[in-house]
Amino acid sequence: MTDSASIPQILPQPTWLMDTDYTVIDKNAQAEKFEKDYVISIEYAVQVAKGTCCAFRADKQTCKNCPLENKWAASDGFPITFMGRDGVSYEFFGKLVKKEQNWMLEIRYIDKPFESEGKSMLTYLNEARESEQKRIARELHDGIAQSIYSLMLETRGLKWTPVEEHQQKLQAIDRHFADVLLEIKSLATELRPSILDDVGLIPAINQFVEQTMEMTGFIIHVIVDGDSIDLSSRGNVVIYRSIQEAISNSLKYSGENEASITLDFGQKELRVTIADEGKGFIYDPYHLGFGLLNLRERTHSVGGKMEVETGIEKGTRIILIVPYKEGLT
């Protein structure tokens, strides 16, 4: 091994040396000890360092509202978590730098484990929900409220408008009212899809699929096994929103142009499988990104559970299992 492909063993932090393909070619004694004490994935660490995922496996848009944002002062590194052999998740600070033709990954210890996995995830979810509430409030203030204020000014302005121009002004105000109404309906649909109440779960899913294929060209197959059973209003929303989110993730990240949605109505439970044959990813149930975390929490809210089957270049299968005793009307 040449000097350019080795690292000094005296480096105080766990350090790995990788080639241009991020394959480990050398590591120091501290790194070897680290691998004995913690469950580490070099590929995951590289993904976090490159910004393709983060400590919570969120996408870059989610990172804008990350609860870790004010926790890390250094701008040339990244926060990351690894699970210890004791089953507890610990926080670290990582750094990935170029060394001639190779890459060097350094992990720095932070002597503070998560107080508990549940509490950490709960804090993350609460902040995510708060961020969503702020987004809705901002849309109400910057969008609808401003439109109504504009309409108010237009209406008041009629008193100074010549009578012969009233008809034209009233038509413009009418169009403006229609736009505001459409904006309100759009926001209301985000909060609660009325189509579920109008036509039911399966037709609503079919309509969503048709609209998605028409707008994106993405092919989605819908398969229904067994006799459809009516869920509660809450159960319908959970399934519908989860399918929307899973298909959105498949569109963005799978690299393929096709996916499937299977609804299997069994005797005791509904199993919903959203699958694609795309790139897949490294699945770590202890470090879920916002999307998967959201899916899991939604399913848990109706007494169900989520399973994920994936791997690099192995496609992705997200399975949502909802028992009827929690979802039946």
Foldseek 3Di string as FASTA:
>chain_A
DDPLLEDDLPPPFWKFKFAPVRDTDYTHPNVVVVVVFWPDDSVVLVCCLVQCAAQQGAHPVVVVLFPCVPVDDDPQWGKHWIATPVRFIAIWIWHWDDRPRIIMITIGHDPDTDPHLVVVLVVRVVSVVVVVVVVLVCCCVVPLVVLVVVLVVLVVCVVVDPPVCNVVSVVVSVVSVVVSVVSVVVSVCVVANCVCVVPHQPVVLVVVQVVCCVVPVQAEAEAEADDDAGWASLVSVLVSVLVVLVVVCCVPPFPDRYWYWYWYDDDWKTKIKIWDQGQWDDDDVSRHYPSVSVNQVSLVVQPWGWDWDTDGSRIIIIIIIHTRVSIHD
